Amino acid sequence: MPDKKSIKERLKEITDSIEKGIAEVFTSGKYADYLRTMSRFHRYSVNNRILIYFQDPSASHVAG
């Protein structure tokens, strides 16, 4: 049976990793780029906006 202390330590490591990842998302500027792209194409579906973002985050017009 695993030691409870080791489970707590592992849980702490996982929690710290998640917190670090979330902090990086909001401080890297990528989140702001993503939101800018989403706002330019508000009439498109979420899936299409994500595709546009991955192809060219600075896109301003998309042809059908």
N, C-alpha and C. Protein backbone atom coordinates (compact mmCIF):
# COMPACT_ATOMS: atom_id res chain seq x y z
N MET A 1 0.85 -1.18 0.00
CA MET A 1 0.00 0.00 0.00
C MET A 1 0.89 1.24 0.00
N PRO A 2 0.60 2.22 -0.89
CA PRO A 2 1.44 3.41 -0.95
C PRO A 2 1.35 4.24 0.34
N ASP A 3 2.45 4.86 0.65
CA ASP A 3 2.52 5.72 1.82
C ASP A 3 1.68 6.97 1.56
N LYS A 4 0.88 7.39 2.55
CA LYS A 4 0.02 8.56 2.38
C LYS A 4 0.84 9.82 2.14
N LYS A 5 2.01 9.90 2.72
CA LYS A 5 2.84 11.07 2.52
C LYS A 5 3.27 11.17 1.06
N SER A 6 3.61 10.07 0.45
CA SER A 6 4.03 10.11 -0.94
C SER A 6 2.87 10.49 -1.86
N ILE A 7 1.66 10.08 -1.52
CA ILE A 7 0.48 10.48 -2.30
C ILE A 7 0.26 11.98 -2.17
N LYS A 8 0.39 12.50 -0.95
CA LYS A 8 0.23 13.94 -0.74
C LYS A 8 1.30 14.72 -1.48
N GLU A 9 2.52 14.23 -1.46
CA GLU A 9 3.61 14.90 -2.17
C GLU A 9 3.34 14.92 -3.67
N ARG A 10 2.89 13.80 -4.21
CA ARG A 10 2.59 13.70 -5.64
C ARG A 10 1.45 14.63 -6.01
N LEU A 11 0.43 14.70 -5.18
CA LEU A 11 -0.69 15.60 -5.42
C LEU A 11 -0.22 17.06 -5.41
N LYS A 12 0.68 17.38 -4.49
CA LYS A 12 1.25 18.74 -4.43
C LYS A 12 2.02 19.06 -5.71
N GLU A 13 2.80 18.11 -6.21
CA GLU A 13 3.54 18.31 -7.46
C GLU A 13 2.60 18.56 -8.63
N ILE A 14 1.54 17.77 -8.71
CA ILE A 14 0.57 17.93 -9.79
C ILE A 14 -0.12 19.29 -9.70
N THR A 15 -0.54 19.67 -8.50
CA THR A 15 -1.19 20.95 -8.30
C THR A 15 -0.27 22.11 -8.66
N ASP A 16 0.98 22.03 -8.24
CA ASP A 16 1.95 23.08 -8.58
C ASP A 16 2.15 23.18 -10.08
N SER A 17 2.21 22.05 -10.75
CA SER A 17 2.39 22.02 -12.20
C SER A 17 1.20 22.67 -12.91
N ILE A 18 0.00 22.36 -12.47
CA ILE A 18 -1.20 22.96 -13.06
C ILE A 18 -1.21 24.47 -12.85
N GLU A 19 -0.90 24.90 -11.64
CA GLU A 19 -0.88 26.34 -11.34
C GLU A 19 0.15 27.06 -12.19
N LYS A 20 1.31 26.46 -12.37
CA LYS A 20 2.36 27.06 -13.20
C LYS A 20 1.88 27.17 -14.65
N GLY A 21 1.25 26.12 -15.16
CA GLY A 21 0.75 26.13 -16.53
C GLY A 21 -0.30 27.19 -16.75
N ILE A 22 -1.20 27.35 -15.80
CA ILE A 22 -2.25 28.38 -15.91
C ILE A 22 -1.63 29.77 -15.89
N ALA A 23 -0.67 29.99 -15.02
CA ALA A 23 0.01 31.29 -14.95
C ALA A 23 0.71 31.61 -16.27
N GLU A 24 1.33 30.62 -16.90
CA GLU A 24 2.02 30.83 -18.17
C GLU A 24 1.05 31.20 -19.28
N VAL A 25 -0.13 30.62 -19.27
CA VAL A 25 -1.13 30.93 -20.30
C VAL A 25 -1.49 32.41 -20.25
N PHE A 26 -1.71 32.93 -19.06
CA PHE A 26 -2.16 34.31 -18.94
C PHE A 26 -1.04 35.33 -19.04
N THR A 27 0.21 34.93 -18.87
CA THR A 27 1.30 35.89 -18.93
C THR A 27 2.10 35.82 -20.22
N SER A 28 1.87 34.82 -21.05
CA SER A 28 2.68 34.64 -22.25
C SER A 28 2.26 35.53 -23.40
N GLY A 29 1.07 36.06 -23.40
CA GLY A 29 0.60 36.85 -24.52
C GLY A 29 -0.17 36.01 -25.53
N LYS A 30 -0.03 34.71 -25.47
CA LYS A 30 -0.75 33.84 -26.40
C LYS A 30 -2.25 33.90 -26.14
N TYR A 31 -2.62 34.03 -24.91
CA TYR A 31 -4.05 34.12 -24.58
C TYR A 31 -4.65 35.40 -25.16
N ALA A 32 -3.93 36.50 -25.07
CA ALA A 32 -4.40 37.76 -25.65
C ALA A 32 -4.53 37.65 -27.16
N ASP A 33 -3.56 37.00 -27.82
CA ASP A 33 -3.64 36.77 -29.26
C ASP A 33 -4.87 35.95 -29.61
N TYR A 34 -5.10 34.90 -28.83
CA TYR A 34 -6.26 34.04 -29.05
C TYR A 34 -7.56 34.84 -28.92
N LEU A 35 -7.67 35.66 -27.89
CA LEU A 35 -8.89 36.45 -27.69
C LEU A 35 -9.08 37.47 -28.81
N ARG A 36 -7.99 38.06 -29.31
CA ARG A 36 -8.09 39.00 -30.42
C ARG A 36 -8.64 38.30 -31.67
N THR A 37 -8.14 37.13 -31.96
CA THR A 37 -8.63 36.37 -33.11
C THR A 37 -10.10 36.00 -32.93
N MET A 38 -10.46 35.56 -31.73
CA MET A 38 -11.85 35.19 -31.47
C MET A 38 -12.78 36.38 -31.65
N SER A 39 -12.34 37.57 -31.26
CA SER A 39 -13.21 38.75 -31.37
C SER A 39 -13.38 39.21 -32.82
N ARG A 40 -12.39 38.97 -33.66
CA ARG A 40 -12.50 39.38 -35.07
C ARG A 40 -13.47 38.50 -35.85
N PHE A 41 -13.66 37.27 -35.41
CA PHE A 41 -14.50 36.33 -36.14
C PHE A 41 -15.65 35.82 -35.28
N HIS A 42 -16.34 36.73 -34.63
CA HIS A 42 -17.38 36.36 -33.68
C HIS A 42 -18.58 35.67 -34.32
N ARG A 43 -18.76 35.80 -35.63
CA ARG A 43 -19.90 35.15 -36.29
C ARG A 43 -19.58 33.73 -36.75
N TYR A 44 -18.33 33.35 -36.65
CA TYR A 44 -17.93 32.01 -37.04
C TYR A 44 -18.10 31.05 -35.86
N SER A 45 -18.18 29.76 -36.17
CA SER A 45 -18.29 28.77 -35.10
C SER A 45 -16.98 28.72 -34.31
N VAL A 46 -17.04 28.18 -33.12
CA VAL A 46 -15.85 28.06 -32.29
C VAL A 46 -14.80 27.22 -33.00
N ASN A 47 -15.22 26.13 -33.63
CA ASN A 47 -14.26 25.27 -34.33
C ASN A 47 -13.56 26.03 -35.45
N ASN A 48 -14.31 26.81 -36.23
CA ASN A 48 -13.70 27.57 -37.32
C ASN A 48 -12.76 28.65 -36.79
N ARG A 49 -13.13 29.29 -35.70
CA ARG A 49 -12.25 30.31 -35.12
C ARG A 49 -10.95 29.70 -34.63
N ILE A 50 -11.02 28.53 -34.06
CA ILE A 50 -9.80 27.86 -33.59
C ILE A 50 -8.92 27.51 -34.79
N LEU A 51 -9.54 27.02 -35.87
CA LEU A 51 -8.76 26.71 -37.07
C LEU A 51 -8.10 27.97 -37.64
N ILE A 52 -8.83 29.06 -37.67
CA ILE A 52 -8.26 30.33 -38.14
C ILE A 52 -7.09 30.73 -37.26
N TYR A 53 -7.26 30.63 -35.96
CA TYR A 53 -6.19 31.01 -35.04
C TYR A 53 -4.94 30.18 -35.26
N PHE A 54 -5.09 28.87 -35.43
CA PHE A 54 -3.92 28.02 -35.61
C PHE A 54 -3.24 28.26 -36.95
N GLN A 55 -4.00 28.65 -37.98
CA GLN A 55 -3.40 28.89 -39.28
C GLN A 55 -2.75 30.24 -39.37
N ASP A 56 -3.39 31.28 -38.79
CA ASP A 56 -2.81 32.63 -38.83
C ASP A 56 -3.47 33.50 -37.77
N PRO A 57 -2.85 33.61 -36.59
CA PRO A 57 -3.45 34.40 -35.51
C PRO A 57 -3.67 35.87 -35.86
N SER A 58 -2.96 36.38 -36.85
CA SER A 58 -3.11 37.79 -37.21
C SER A 58 -4.11 37.99 -38.36
N ALA A 59 -4.82 36.96 -38.77
CA ALA A 59 -5.79 37.07 -39.86
C ALA A 59 -6.86 38.09 -39.53
N SER A 60 -7.27 38.83 -40.57
CA SER A 60 -8.33 39.81 -40.38
C SER A 60 -9.52 39.53 -41.30
N HIS A 61 -9.30 38.79 -42.38
CA HIS A 61 -10.37 38.40 -43.30
C HIS A 61 -10.18 36.95 -43.69
N VAL A 62 -11.31 36.27 -43.89
CA VAL A 62 -11.26 34.88 -44.30
C VAL A 62 -12.25 34.70 -45.44
N ALA A 63 -11.79 34.09 -46.53
CA ALA A 63 -12.67 33.82 -47.67
C ALA A 63 -13.35 32.48 -47.49
N GLY A 64 -14.60 32.41 -47.89
CA GLY A 64 -15.35 31.18 -47.75
C GLY A 64 -15.08 30.20 -48.87
